[in-house]
């Protein structure tokens, strides 16, 4: 069976730090248990996260560096 390919507009996001995720989602409990990404799995870092909601609204969040 061939490997499943993602569309060109799909991205896999690896958060820089759990501290950053706690800042973006302050009401989510046990954030450290949810996101544990090893360093070798991170191929690119960025300073913003852009999201388009199902209603079409564009949201942009800055990461603290």
PDB file of N, CA and C in Angstrom:
ATOM      1  N   UNK A   1       0.843  -1.175   0.000  1.00  0.00           N
ATOM      2  CA  UNK A   1       0.000   0.000   0.000  1.00  0.00           C
ATOM      3  C   UNK A   1       0.891   1.243   0.000  1.00  0.00           C
ATOM      4  N   UNK A   2       0.661   2.226  -0.887  1.00  0.00           N
ATOM      5  CA  UNK A   2       1.503   3.423  -0.919  1.00  0.00           C
ATOM      6  C   UNK A   2       1.303   4.282   0.325  1.00  0.00           C
ATOM      7  N   UNK A   3       2.370   5.001   0.678  1.00  0.00           N
ATOM      8  CA  UNK A   3       2.300   5.894   1.832  1.00  0.00           C
ATOM      9  C   UNK A   3       1.291   7.010   1.568  1.00  0.00           C
ATOM     10  N   UNK A   4       0.514   7.342   2.561  1.00  0.00           N
ATOM     11  CA  UNK A   4      -0.493   8.399   2.417  1.00  0.00           C
ATOM     12  C   UNK A   4       0.198   9.762   2.392  1.00  0.00           C
ATOM     13  N   UNK A   5      -0.144  10.586   1.433  1.00  0.00           N
ATOM     14  CA  UNK A   5       0.469  11.899   1.277  1.00  0.00           C
ATOM     15  C   UNK A   5      -0.463  12.986   1.800  1.00  0.00           C
ATOM     16  N   UNK A   6       0.110  13.983   2.476  1.00  0.00           N
ATOM     17  CA  UNK A   6      -0.665  15.130   2.936  1.00  0.00           C
ATOM     18  C   UNK A   6      -0.819  16.128   1.799  1.00  0.00           C
ATOM     19  N   UNK A   7      -1.905  16.861   1.800  1.00  0.00           N
ATOM     20  CA  UNK A   7      -2.101  17.916   0.809  1.00  0.00           C
ATOM     21  C   UNK A   7      -1.078  19.023   0.978  1.00  0.00           C
ATOM     22  N   UNK A   8      -0.911  19.838  -0.041  1.00  0.00           N
ATOM     23  CA  UNK A   8       0.129  20.869   0.009  1.00  0.00           C
ATOM     24  C   UNK A   8      -0.163  21.966   1.014  1.00  0.00           C
ATOM     25  N   UNK A   9      -1.400  22.072   1.484  1.00  0.00           N
ATOM     26  CA  UNK A   9      -1.746  23.104   2.457  1.00  0.00           C
ATOM     27  C   UNK A   9      -1.790  22.567   3.881  1.00  0.00           C
ATOM     28  N   UNK A  10      -1.415  21.321   4.087  1.00  0.00           N
ATOM     29  CA  UNK A  10      -1.424  20.730   5.425  1.00  0.00           C
ATOM     30  C   UNK A  10      -0.029  20.820   6.026  1.00  0.00           C
ATOM     31  N   UNK A  11       0.029  21.113   7.293  1.00  0.00           N
ATOM     32  CA  UNK A  11       1.299  21.181   7.999  1.00  0.00           C
ATOM     33  C   UNK A  11       1.177  20.464   9.327  1.00  0.00           C
ATOM     34  N   UNK A  12       2.261  19.852   9.731  1.00  0.00           N
ATOM     35  CA  UNK A  12       2.326  19.259  11.056  1.00  0.00           C
ATOM     36  C   UNK A  12       3.055  20.250  11.938  1.00  0.00           C
ATOM     37  N   UNK A  13       2.444  20.599  13.053  1.00  0.00           N
ATOM     38  CA  UNK A  13       3.013  21.616  13.930  1.00  0.00           C
ATOM     39  C   UNK A  13       3.647  20.953  15.140  1.00  0.00           C
ATOM     40  N   UNK A  14       4.881  21.292  15.410  1.00  0.00           N
ATOM     41  CA  UNK A  14       5.559  20.895  16.637  1.00  0.00           C
ATOM     42  C   UNK A  14       5.793  22.157  17.443  1.00  0.00           C
ATOM     43  N   UNK A  15       5.198  22.242  18.601  1.00  0.00           N
ATOM     44  CA  UNK A  15       5.323  23.438  19.425  1.00  0.00           C
ATOM     45  C   UNK A  15       6.736  23.567  19.947  1.00  0.00           C
ATOM     46  N   UNK A  16       7.215  24.791  20.057  1.00  0.00           N
ATOM     47  CA  UNK A  16       8.568  25.047  20.523  1.00  0.00           C
ATOM     48  C   UNK A  16       8.747  24.612  21.970  1.00  0.00           C
ATOM     49  N   UNK A  17       7.849  25.028  22.843  1.00  0.00           N
ATOM     50  CA  UNK A  17       7.952  24.663  24.252  1.00  0.00           C
ATOM     51  C   UNK A  17       6.567  24.483  24.849  1.00  0.00           C
ATOM     52  N   UNK A  18       6.517  23.730  25.926  1.00  0.00           N
ATOM     53  CA  UNK A  18       5.256  23.604  26.651  1.00  0.00           C
ATOM     54  C   UNK A  18       4.882  24.927  27.298  1.00  0.00           C
ATOM     55  N   UNK A  19       5.880  25.746  27.666  1.00  0.00           N
ATOM     56  CA  UNK A  19       5.586  27.073  28.219  1.00  0.00           C
ATOM     57  C   UNK A  19       4.803  27.905  27.216  1.00  0.00           C
ATOM     58  N   UNK A  20       5.183  27.810  25.952  1.00  0.00           N
ATOM     59  CA  UNK A  20       4.487  28.562  24.902  1.00  0.00           C
ATOM     60  C   UNK A  20       3.049  28.068  24.758  1.00  0.00           C
ATOM     61  N   UNK A  21       2.843  26.772  24.815  1.00  0.00           N
ATOM     62  CA  UNK A  21       1.490  26.230  24.717  1.00  0.00           C
ATOM     63  C   UNK A  21       0.641  26.639  25.915  1.00  0.00           C
ATOM     64  N   UNK A  22       1.229  26.683  27.101  1.00  0.00           N
ATOM     65  CA  UNK A  22       0.482  27.139  28.278  1.00  0.00           C
ATOM     66  C   UNK A  22       0.083  28.601  28.123  1.00  0.00           C
ATOM     67  N   UNK A  23       0.935  29.414  27.495  1.00  0.00           N
ATOM     68  CA  UNK A  23       0.608  30.823  27.267  1.00  0.00           C
ATOM     69  C   UNK A  23      -0.536  30.952  26.267  1.00  0.00           C
ATOM     70  N   UNK A  24      -0.511  30.150  25.197  1.00  0.00           N
ATOM     71  CA  UNK A  24      -1.551  30.227  24.170  1.00  0.00           C
ATOM     72  C   UNK A  24      -2.872  29.603  24.622  1.00  0.00           C
ATOM     73  N   UNK A  25      -2.800  28.590  25.457  1.00  0.00           N
ATOM     74  CA  UNK A  25      -4.008  27.858  25.900  1.00  0.00           C
ATOM     75  C   UNK A  25      -4.012  27.776  27.427  1.00  0.00           C
ATOM     76  N   UNK A  26      -4.210  28.898  28.112  1.00  0.00           N
ATOM     77  CA  UNK A  26      -4.068  28.908  29.573  1.00  0.00           C
ATOM     78  C   UNK A  26      -5.083  28.056  30.327  1.00  0.00           C
ATOM     79  N   UNK A  27      -6.199  27.726  29.714  1.00  0.00           N
ATOM     80  CA  UNK A  27      -7.238  26.965  30.413  1.00  0.00           C
ATOM     81  C   UNK A  27      -7.127  25.450  30.230  1.00  0.00           C
ATOM     82  N   UNK A  28      -6.131  24.987  29.484  1.00  0.00           N
ATOM     83  CA  UNK A  28      -5.972  23.543  29.247  1.00  0.00           C
ATOM     84  C   UNK A  28      -5.166  22.942  30.401  1.00  0.00           C
ATOM     85  N   UNK A  29      -5.758  21.985  31.129  1.00  0.00           N
ATOM     86  CA  UNK A  29      -5.025  21.374  32.247  1.00  0.00           C
ATOM     87  C   UNK A  29      -3.996  20.350  31.756  1.00  0.00           C
ATOM     88  N   UNK A  30      -2.962  20.128  32.552  1.00  0.00           N
ATOM     89  CA  UNK A  30      -1.950  19.091  32.288  1.00  0.00           C
ATOM     90  C   UNK A  30      -1.306  19.216  30.913  1.00  0.00           C
ATOM     91  N   UNK A  31      -0.952  20.430  30.518  1.00  0.00           N
ATOM     92  CA  UNK A  31      -0.361  20.682  29.199  1.00  0.00           C
ATOM     93  C   UNK A  31       0.932  19.882  28.999  1.00  0.00           C
ATOM     94  N   UNK A  32       1.730  19.721  30.057  1.00  0.00           N
ATOM     95  CA  UNK A  32       2.992  18.984  29.925  1.00  0.00           C
ATOM     96  C   UNK A  32       2.774  17.536  29.509  1.00  0.00           C
ATOM     97  N   UNK A  33       1.661  16.955  29.908  1.00  0.00           N
ATOM     98  CA  UNK A  33       1.370  15.567  29.546  1.00  0.00           C
ATOM     99  C   UNK A  33       0.903  15.433  28.099  1.00  0.00           C
ATOM    100  N   UNK A  34       0.378  16.516  27.518  1.00  0.00           N
ATOM    101  CA  UNK A  34      -0.175  16.450  26.163  1.00  0.00           C
ATOM    102  C   UNK A  34       0.885  16.567  25.075  1.00  0.00           C
ATOM    103  N   UNK A  35       1.881  17.440  25.279  1.00  0.00           N
ATOM    104  CA  UNK A  35       2.866  17.715  24.234  1.00  0.00           C
ATOM    105  C   UNK A  35       4.264  17.409  24.736  1.00  0.00           C
ATOM    106  N   UNK A  36       4.845  16.331  24.235  1.00  0.00           N
ATOM    107  CA  UNK A  36       6.215  15.958  24.564  1.00  0.00           C
ATOM    108  C   UNK A  36       6.926  15.602  23.263  1.00  0.00           C
ATOM    109  N   UNK A  37       7.486  16.603  22.600  1.00  0.00           N
ATOM    110  CA  UNK A  37       8.139  16.408  21.307  1.00  0.00           C
ATOM    111  C   UNK A  37       9.648  16.346  21.492  1.00  0.00           C
ATOM    112  N   UNK A  38      10.300  15.250  21.093  1.00  0.00           N
ATOM    113  CA  UNK A  38      11.756  15.172  21.215  1.00  0.00           C
ATOM    114  C   UNK A  38      12.437  16.119  20.218  1.00  0.00           C
ATOM    115  N   UNK A  39      13.597  16.628  20.596  1.00  0.00           N
ATOM    116  CA  UNK A  39      14.338  17.582  19.758  1.00  0.00           C
ATOM    117  C   UNK A  39      14.574  17.057  18.344  1.00  0.00           C
ATOM    118  N   UNK A  40      14.870  15.761  18.189  1.00  0.00           N
ATOM    119  CA  UNK A  40      15.182  15.221  16.862  1.00  0.00           C
ATOM    120  C   UNK A  40      13.964  15.216  15.929  1.00  0.00           C
ATOM    121  N   UNK A  41      12.765  15.409  16.483  1.00  0.00           N
ATOM    122  CA  UNK A  41      11.555  15.413  15.656  1.00  0.00           C
ATOM    123  C   UNK A  41      11.215  16.803  15.114  1.00  0.00           C
ATOM    124  N   UNK A  42      11.951  17.834  15.546  1.00  0.00           N
ATOM    125  CA  UNK A  42      11.674  19.209  15.114  1.00  0.00           C
ATOM    126  C   UNK A  42      12.576  19.553  13.935  1.00  0.00           C
ATOM    127  N   UNK A  43      11.965  19.848  12.783  1.00  0.00           N
ATOM    128  CA  UNK A  43      12.753  20.164  11.590  1.00  0.00           C
ATOM    129  C   UNK A  43      12.759  21.656  11.280  1.00  0.00           C
ATOM    130  N   UNK A  44      11.821  22.399  11.817  1.00  0.00           N
ATOM    131  CA  UNK A  44      11.746  23.833  11.524  1.00  0.00           C
ATOM    132  C   UNK A  44      11.069  24.539  12.696  1.00  0.00           C
ATOM    133  N   UNK A  45      11.524  25.743  13.004  1.00  0.00           N
ATOM    134  CA  UNK A  45      10.874  26.544  14.035  1.00  0.00           C
ATOM    135  C   UNK A  45      10.304  27.803  13.397  1.00  0.00           C
ATOM    136  N   UNK A  46       9.352  28.421  14.057  1.00  0.00           N
ATOM    137  CA  UNK A  46       8.745  29.646  13.534  1.00  0.00           C
ATOM    138  C   UNK A  46       8.368  30.554  14.696  1.00  0.00           C
ATOM    139  N   UNK A  47       8.059  31.816  14.390  1.00  0.00           N
ATOM    140  CA  UNK A  47       7.704  32.757  15.449  1.00  0.00           C
ATOM    141  C   UNK A  47       6.227  33.151  15.437  1.00  0.00           C
ATOM    142  N   UNK A  48       5.431  32.593  14.520  1.00  0.00           N
ATOM    143  CA  UNK A  48       3.990  32.839  14.504  1.00  0.00           C
ATOM    144  C   UNK A  48       3.237  31.559  14.160  1.00  0.00           C
ATOM    145  N   UNK A  49       1.986  31.518  14.589  1.00  0.00           N
ATOM    146  CA  UNK A  49       1.100  30.422  14.223  1.00  0.00           C
ATOM    147  C   UNK A  49      -0.154  31.058  13.635  1.00  0.00           C
ATOM    148  N   UNK A  50      -0.502  30.695  12.412  1.00  0.00           N
ATOM    149  CA  UNK A  50      -1.688  31.229  11.752  1.00  0.00           C
ATOM    150  C   UNK A  50      -2.721  30.125  11.615  1.00  0.00           C
ATOM    151  N   UNK A  51      -3.949  30.446  11.986  1.00  0.00           N
ATOM    152  CA  UNK A  51      -5.045  29.478  11.948  1.00  0.00           C
ATOM    153  C   UNK A  51      -6.215  30.094  11.201  1.00  0.00           C
ATOM    154  N   UNK A  52      -6.844  29.312  10.341  1.00  0.00           N
ATOM    155  CA  UNK A  52      -8.094  29.713   9.694  1.00  0.00           C
ATOM    156  C   UNK A  52      -9.193  28.862  10.320  1.00  0.00           C
ATOM    157  N   UNK A  53     -10.158  29.510  10.952  1.00  0.00           N
ATOM    158  CA  UNK A  53     -11.244  28.788  11.610  1.00  0.00           C
ATOM    159  C   UNK A  53     -12.215  28.245  10.568  1.00  0.00           C
ATOM    160  N   UNK A  54     -13.070  27.290  10.946  1.00  0.00           N
ATOM    161  CA  UNK A  54     -14.062  26.772   9.999  1.00  0.00           C
ATOM    162  C   UNK A  54     -14.969  27.858   9.417  1.00  0.00           C
ATOM    163  N   UNK A  55     -15.157  28.952  10.156  1.00  0.00           N
ATOM    164  CA  UNK A  55     -15.997  30.044   9.647  1.00  0.00           C
ATOM    165  C   UNK A  55     -15.234  30.960   8.693  1.00  0.00           C
ATOM    166  N   UNK A  56     -13.911  30.730   8.538  1.00  0.00           N
ATOM    167  CA  UNK A  56     -13.109  31.527   7.620  1.00  0.00           C
ATOM    168  C   UNK A  56     -12.352  32.667   8.279  1.00  0.00           C
ATOM    169  N   UNK A  57     -12.478  32.811   9.595  1.00  0.00           N
ATOM    170  CA  UNK A  57     -11.770  33.872  10.314  1.00  0.00           C
ATOM    171  C   UNK A  57     -10.287  33.513  10.421  1.00  0.00           C
ATOM    172  N   UNK A  58      -9.428  34.487  10.165  1.00  0.00           N
ATOM    173  CA  UNK A  58      -7.987  34.282  10.237  1.00  0.00           C
ATOM    174  C   UNK A  58      -7.474  34.734  11.605  1.00  0.00           C
ATOM    175  N   UNK A  59      -6.748  33.854  12.280  1.00  0.00           N
ATOM    176  CA  UNK A  59      -6.167  34.165  13.583  1.00  0.00           C
ATOM    177  C   UNK A  59      -4.658  34.024  13.487  1.00  0.00           C
ATOM    178  N   UNK A  60      -3.922  34.905  14.157  1.00  0.00           N
ATOM    179  CA  UNK A  60      -2.470  34.843  14.160  1.00  0.00           C
ATOM    180  C   UNK A  60      -1.976  35.004  15.592  1.00  0.00           C
ATOM    181  N   UNK A  61      -1.108  34.082  16.026  1.00  0.00           N
ATOM    182  CA  UNK A  61      -0.550  34.121  17.371  1.00  0.00           C
ATOM    183  C   UNK A  61       0.966  34.192  17.261  1.00  0.00           C
ATOM    184  N   UNK A  62       1.569  35.127  17.989  1.00  0.00           N
ATOM    185  CA  UNK A  62       3.021  35.247  18.022  1.00  0.00           C
ATOM    186  C   UNK A  62       3.582  34.348  19.109  1.00  0.00           C
ATOM    187  N   UNK A  63       4.673  33.651  18.795  1.00  0.00           N
ATOM    188  CA  UNK A  63       5.385  32.869  19.787  1.00  0.00           C
ATOM    189  C   UNK A  63       6.401  33.773  20.449  1.00  0.00           C
ATOM    190  N   UNK A  64       6.602  33.600  21.750  1.00  0.00           N
ATOM    191  CA  UNK A  64       7.656  34.340  22.431  1.00  0.00           C
ATOM    192  C   UNK A  64       8.977  33.646  22.139  1.00  0.00           C
ATOM    193  N   UNK A  65       9.985  34.438  21.849  1.00  0.00           N
ATOM    194  CA  UNK A  65      11.296  33.870  21.517  1.00  0.00           C
ATOM    195  C   UNK A  65      12.216  33.993  22.698  1.00  0.00           C
TER     196      UNK A  65
END
